Amino acid sequence: MKICKKCTIEKESDDFYKGHATCKKCYIEKVKNHQLENYEHYREYDKNRANLPHRVEARAKYQQTEEGKESLRKSKKKWQESNVIKRSAQIILGNAIRSGKINKQDICSICSKTGKIHGHHDNYAFPLSVRWLCPKCHTDWHKNNKPINGE
């Protein structure tokens, strides 16, 4: 038996990490609080870590496996179920483009690049009102802005 220095409760030795004076529960709480207090630091750290070449390569390799493809299908389905308004706006826009009601632009409205262009919704309540952005400008927009509704 050992007494935790944080919560001062006597607990079994298995409830402590080796060499720590606080119990696992208190230690986990301390780590979570530290991460919340330093959110931007950890966000940047995780982003940089995820973009390391060996991690990018491993993700690409995993996505080619059956397990990776199934995982991707599940995550897409989960996103669609939890983002009904956004998904509805995407479907309405796609149908309008296919039927010819809206012409999909082939140039970015910010940087004038051509190629793959996304229809970006500023407000999901107006699914046919979009701005046409290249992937880079679209990503930059989301980094710097929040949509009016749906998020």
C-alpha atoms as a PDB file:
ATOM      1  CA  MET A   1       0.000   0.000   0.000  1.00  0.00           C
ATOM      2  CA  LYS A   2       1.128   3.511  -0.805  1.00  0.00           C
ATOM      3  CA  ILE A   3      -0.284   7.023  -0.240  1.00  0.00           C
ATOM      4  CA  CYS A   4      -0.699   9.311  -3.237  1.00  0.00           C
ATOM      5  CA  LYS A   5       0.961  12.695  -2.681  1.00  0.00           C
ATOM      6  CA  LYS A   6      -1.735  14.479  -4.694  1.00  0.00           C
ATOM      7  CA  CYS A   7      -5.043  12.979  -3.527  1.00  0.00           C
ATOM      8  CA  THR A   8      -3.616  11.601  -0.227  1.00  0.00           C
ATOM      9  CA  ILE A   9      -5.564   8.353  -0.619  1.00  0.00           C
ATOM     10  CA  GLU A  10      -3.916   5.083   0.290  1.00  0.00           C
ATOM     11  CA  LYS A  11      -3.873   2.783  -2.740  1.00  0.00           C
ATOM     12  CA  GLU A  12      -2.386  -0.483  -3.936  1.00  0.00           C
ATOM     13  CA  SER A  13       1.126  -0.324  -5.414  1.00  0.00           C
ATOM     14  CA  ASP A  14      -0.336  -1.348  -8.804  1.00  0.00           C
ATOM     15  CA  ASP A  15      -2.205   1.985  -8.854  1.00  0.00           C
ATOM     16  CA  PHE A  16       1.123   3.849  -9.183  1.00  0.00           C
ATOM     17  CA  TYR A  17       3.534   4.119 -12.069  1.00  0.00           C
ATOM     18  CA  LYS A  18       7.012   2.879 -11.191  1.00  0.00           C
ATOM     19  CA  GLY A  19       8.990   5.648  -9.513  1.00  0.00           C
ATOM     20  CA  HIS A  20       6.031   8.038  -9.132  1.00  0.00           C
ATOM     21  CA  ALA A  21       4.647   9.380  -5.861  1.00  0.00           C
ATOM     22  CA  THR A  22       1.218  10.175  -7.347  1.00  0.00           C
ATOM     23  CA  CYS A  23      -1.322   7.541  -8.346  1.00  0.00           C
ATOM     24  CA  LYS A  24      -2.058   6.771 -12.005  1.00  0.00           C
ATOM     25  CA  LYS A  25      -5.393   8.589 -11.874  1.00  0.00           C
ATOM     26  CA  CYS A  26      -3.845  11.811 -10.523  1.00  0.00           C
ATOM     27  CA  TYR A  27      -0.905  11.557 -12.908  1.00  0.00           C
ATOM     28  CA  ILE A  28      -3.197  11.165 -15.935  1.00  0.00           C
ATOM     29  CA  GLU A  29      -5.220  14.183 -14.784  1.00  0.00           C
ATOM     30  CA  LYS A  30      -1.993  16.208 -14.438  1.00  0.00           C
ATOM     31  CA  VAL A  31      -0.897  15.283 -17.978  1.00  0.00           C
ATOM     32  CA  LYS A  32      -4.321  16.137 -19.464  1.00  0.00           C
ATOM     33  CA  ASN A  33      -4.333  19.530 -17.727  1.00  0.00           C
ATOM     34  CA  HIS A  34      -0.815  20.260 -18.952  1.00  0.00           C
ATOM     35  CA  GLN A  35      -1.799  19.412 -22.529  1.00  0.00           C
ATOM     36  CA  LEU A  36      -4.878  21.651 -22.309  1.00  0.00           C
ATOM     37  CA  GLU A  37      -2.828  24.539 -20.904  1.00  0.00           C
ATOM     38  CA  ASN A  38      -0.288  24.123 -23.740  1.00  0.00           C
ATOM     39  CA  TYR A  39      -2.788  23.229 -26.459  1.00  0.00           C
ATOM     40  CA  GLU A  40      -1.160  25.186 -29.310  1.00  0.00           C
ATOM     41  CA  HIS A  41       2.270  23.723 -28.571  1.00  0.00           C
ATOM     42  CA  TYR A  42       0.997  20.147 -28.653  1.00  0.00           C
ATOM     43  CA  ARG A  43      -1.142  20.803 -31.719  1.00  0.00           C
ATOM     44  CA  GLU A  44       1.893  22.091 -33.624  1.00  0.00           C
ATOM     45  CA  TYR A  45       4.042  19.232 -32.318  1.00  0.00           C
ATOM     46  CA  ASP A  46       1.498  16.599 -33.422  1.00  0.00           C
ATOM     47  CA  LYS A  47       1.108  18.232 -36.835  1.00  0.00           C
ATOM     48  CA  ASN A  48       4.863  18.266 -37.418  1.00  0.00           C
ATOM     49  CA  ARG A  49       5.185  14.699 -36.170  1.00  0.00           C
ATOM     50  CA  ALA A  50       2.398  13.467 -38.447  1.00  0.00           C
ATOM     51  CA  ASN A  51       4.152  15.033 -41.450  1.00  0.00           C
ATOM     52  CA  LEU A  52       7.477  13.264 -40.892  1.00  0.00           C
ATOM     53  CA  PRO A  53       8.375  11.373 -44.096  1.00  0.00           C
ATOM     54  CA  HIS A  54       8.365   7.901 -42.536  1.00  0.00           C
ATOM     55  CA  ARG A  55       4.919   8.517 -41.000  1.00  0.00           C
ATOM     56  CA  VAL A  56       3.462   9.838 -44.268  1.00  0.00           C
ATOM     57  CA  GLU A  57       4.863   6.793 -46.074  1.00  0.00           C
ATOM     58  CA  ALA A  58       3.482   4.415 -43.431  1.00  0.00           C
ATOM     59  CA  ARG A  59      -0.002   5.990 -43.686  1.00  0.00           C
ATOM     60  CA  ALA A  60       0.036   5.728 -47.484  1.00  0.00           C
ATOM     61  CA  LYS A  61       1.098   2.085 -47.277  1.00  0.00           C
ATOM     62  CA  TYR A  62      -1.586   1.317 -44.675  1.00  0.00           C
ATOM     63  CA  GLN A  63      -4.299   2.943 -46.812  1.00  0.00           C
ATOM     64  CA  GLN A  64      -3.517   0.451 -49.598  1.00  0.00           C
ATOM     65  CA  THR A  65      -4.290  -2.545 -47.365  1.00  0.00           C
ATOM     66  CA  GLU A  66      -7.789  -3.979 -46.961  1.00  0.00           C
ATOM     67  CA  GLU A  67      -7.727  -3.002 -43.285  1.00  0.00           C
ATOM     68  CA  GLY A  68      -6.769   0.569 -44.237  1.00  0.00           C
ATOM     69  CA  LYS A  69      -9.506   0.789 -46.875  1.00  0.00           C
ATOM     70  CA  GLU A  70     -12.085  -0.479 -44.386  1.00  0.00           C
ATOM     71  CA  SER A  71     -10.883   2.037 -41.799  1.00  0.00           C
ATOM     72  CA  LEU A  72     -11.239   4.847 -44.343  1.00  0.00           C
ATOM     73  CA  ARG A  73     -14.780   3.706 -45.236  1.00  0.00           C
ATOM     74  CA  LYS A  74     -15.739   3.670 -41.548  1.00  0.00           C
ATOM     75  CA  SER A  75     -14.290   7.122 -40.888  1.00  0.00           C
ATOM     76  CA  LYS A  76     -16.072   8.589 -43.932  1.00  0.00           C
ATOM     77  CA  LYS A  77     -19.365   7.065 -42.806  1.00  0.00           C
ATOM     78  CA  LYS A  78     -18.852   8.387 -39.265  1.00  0.00           C
ATOM     79  CA  TRP A  79     -18.089  11.890 -40.616  1.00  0.00           C
ATOM     80  CA  GLN A  80     -21.212  11.821 -42.789  1.00  0.00           C
ATOM     81  CA  GLU A  81     -23.395  10.747 -39.861  1.00  0.00           C
ATOM     82  CA  SER A  82     -22.038  13.460 -37.585  1.00  0.00           C
ATOM     83  CA  ASN A  83     -22.067  16.218 -40.248  1.00  0.00           C
ATOM     84  CA  VAL A  84     -25.519  15.851 -41.801  1.00  0.00           C
ATOM     85  CA  ILE A  85     -25.891  19.525 -42.747  1.00  0.00           C
ATOM     86  CA  LYS A  86     -22.478  19.689 -44.422  1.00  0.00           C
ATOM     87  CA  ARG A  87     -23.044  16.417 -46.268  1.00  0.00           C
ATOM     88  CA  SER A  88     -26.477  17.587 -47.450  1.00  0.00           C
ATOM     89  CA  ALA A  89     -24.932  20.783 -48.812  1.00  0.00           C
ATOM     90  CA  GLN A  90     -22.301  18.725 -50.664  1.00  0.00           C
ATOM     91  CA  ILE A  91     -24.961  16.468 -52.195  1.00  0.00           C
ATOM     92  CA  ILE A  92     -27.167  19.392 -53.261  1.00  0.00           C
ATOM     93  CA  LEU A  93     -24.188  21.160 -54.852  1.00  0.00           C
ATOM     94  CA  GLY A  94     -23.052  17.976 -56.616  1.00  0.00           C
ATOM     95  CA  ASN A  95     -26.543  17.380 -58.000  1.00  0.00           C
ATOM     96  CA  ALA A  96     -26.770  20.990 -59.224  1.00  0.00           C
ATOM     97  CA  ILE A  97     -23.424  20.668 -61.001  1.00  0.00           C
ATOM     98  CA  ARG A  98     -24.437  17.373 -62.644  1.00  0.00           C
ATOM     99  CA  SER A  99     -27.795  18.763 -63.777  1.00  0.00           C
ATOM    100  CA  GLY A 100     -26.154  21.893 -65.203  1.00  0.00           C
ATOM    101  CA  LYS A 101     -27.830  24.385 -62.837  1.00  0.00           C
ATOM    102  CA  ILE A 102     -24.385  25.458 -61.643  1.00  0.00           C
ATOM    103  CA  ASN A 103     -21.177  25.538 -63.644  1.00  0.00           C
ATOM    104  CA  LYS A 104     -18.186  24.291 -61.708  1.00  0.00           C
ATOM    105  CA  GLN A 105     -15.388  26.800 -62.031  1.00  0.00           C
ATOM    106  CA  ASP A 106     -11.932  25.638 -63.074  1.00  0.00           C
ATOM    107  CA  ILE A 107     -10.027  28.528 -61.511  1.00  0.00           C
ATOM    108  CA  CYS A 108      -9.417  29.448 -57.855  1.00  0.00           C
ATOM    109  CA  SER A 109     -11.197  32.650 -56.849  1.00  0.00           C
ATOM    110  CA  ILE A 110      -8.265  33.647 -54.598  1.00  0.00           C
ATOM    111  CA  CYS A 111      -5.031  32.716 -56.376  1.00  0.00           C
ATOM    112  CA  SER A 112      -6.326  32.022 -59.917  1.00  0.00           C
ATOM    113  CA  LYS A 113      -4.736  28.552 -60.068  1.00  0.00           C
ATOM    114  CA  THR A 114      -6.343  25.997 -62.322  1.00  0.00           C
ATOM    115  CA  GLY A 115      -6.707  22.273 -61.816  1.00  0.00           C
ATOM    116  CA  LYS A 116      -8.589  20.618 -58.983  1.00  0.00           C
ATOM    117  CA  ILE A 117     -11.028  23.168 -57.545  1.00  0.00           C
ATOM    118  CA  HIS A 118     -13.255  22.764 -54.466  1.00  0.00           C
ATOM    119  CA  GLY A 119     -16.660  24.325 -53.911  1.00  0.00           C
ATOM    120  CA  HIS A 120     -16.345  25.945 -50.487  1.00  0.00           C
ATOM    121  CA  HIS A 121     -19.488  26.733 -48.476  1.00  0.00           C
ATOM    122  CA  ASP A 122     -19.244  29.856 -46.334  1.00  0.00           C
ATOM    123  CA  ASN A 123     -22.710  29.056 -44.992  1.00  0.00           C
ATOM    124  CA  TYR A 124     -24.148  25.546 -45.250  1.00  0.00           C
ATOM    125  CA  ALA A 125     -27.695  26.950 -45.096  1.00  0.00           C
ATOM    126  CA  PHE A 126     -27.125  28.121 -48.685  1.00  0.00           C
ATOM    127  CA  PRO A 127     -25.792  24.968 -50.379  1.00  0.00           C
ATOM    128  CA  LEU A 128     -25.669  26.488 -53.884  1.00  0.00           C
ATOM    129  CA  SER A 129     -23.723  29.541 -52.762  1.00  0.00           C
ATOM    130  CA  VAL A 130     -20.052  28.528 -52.926  1.00  0.00           C
ATOM    131  CA  ARG A 131     -16.701  30.054 -53.641  1.00  0.00           C
ATOM    132  CA  TRP A 132     -14.349  28.053 -55.829  1.00  0.00           C
ATOM    133  CA  LEU A 133     -10.968  27.436 -54.201  1.00  0.00           C
ATOM    134  CA  CYS A 134      -7.895  25.362 -54.985  1.00  0.00           C
ATOM    135  CA  PRO A 135      -6.985  22.811 -52.259  1.00  0.00           C
ATOM    136  CA  LYS A 136      -4.264  25.075 -50.793  1.00  0.00           C
ATOM    137  CA  CYS A 137      -6.496  28.162 -50.569  1.00  0.00           C
ATOM    138  CA  HIS A 138      -9.335  26.009 -49.202  1.00  0.00           C
ATOM    139  CA  THR A 139      -7.094  24.640 -46.443  1.00  0.00           C
ATOM    140  CA  ASP A 140      -5.769  28.129 -45.674  1.00  0.00           C
ATOM    141  CA  TRP A 141      -9.327  29.488 -45.475  1.00  0.00           C
ATOM    142  CA  HIS A 142     -10.295  26.856 -42.902  1.00  0.00           C
ATOM    143  CA  LYS A 143      -7.157  27.530 -40.855  1.00  0.00           C
ATOM    144  CA  ASN A 144      -8.030  31.225 -40.614  1.00  0.00           C
ATOM    145  CA  ASN A 145     -11.852  31.261 -40.549  1.00  0.00           C
ATOM    146  CA  LYS A 146     -14.919  29.539 -39.164  1.00  0.00           C
ATOM    147  CA  PRO A 147     -18.077  28.941 -41.176  1.00  0.00           C
ATOM    148  CA  ILE A 148     -21.296  30.719 -40.179  1.00  0.00           C
ATOM    149  CA  ASN A 149     -23.139  27.514 -39.373  1.00  0.00           C
ATOM    150  CA  GLY A 150     -22.648  23.767 -39.494  1.00  0.00           C
ATOM    151  CA  GLU A 151     -19.462  23.612 -37.445  1.00  0.00           C
END
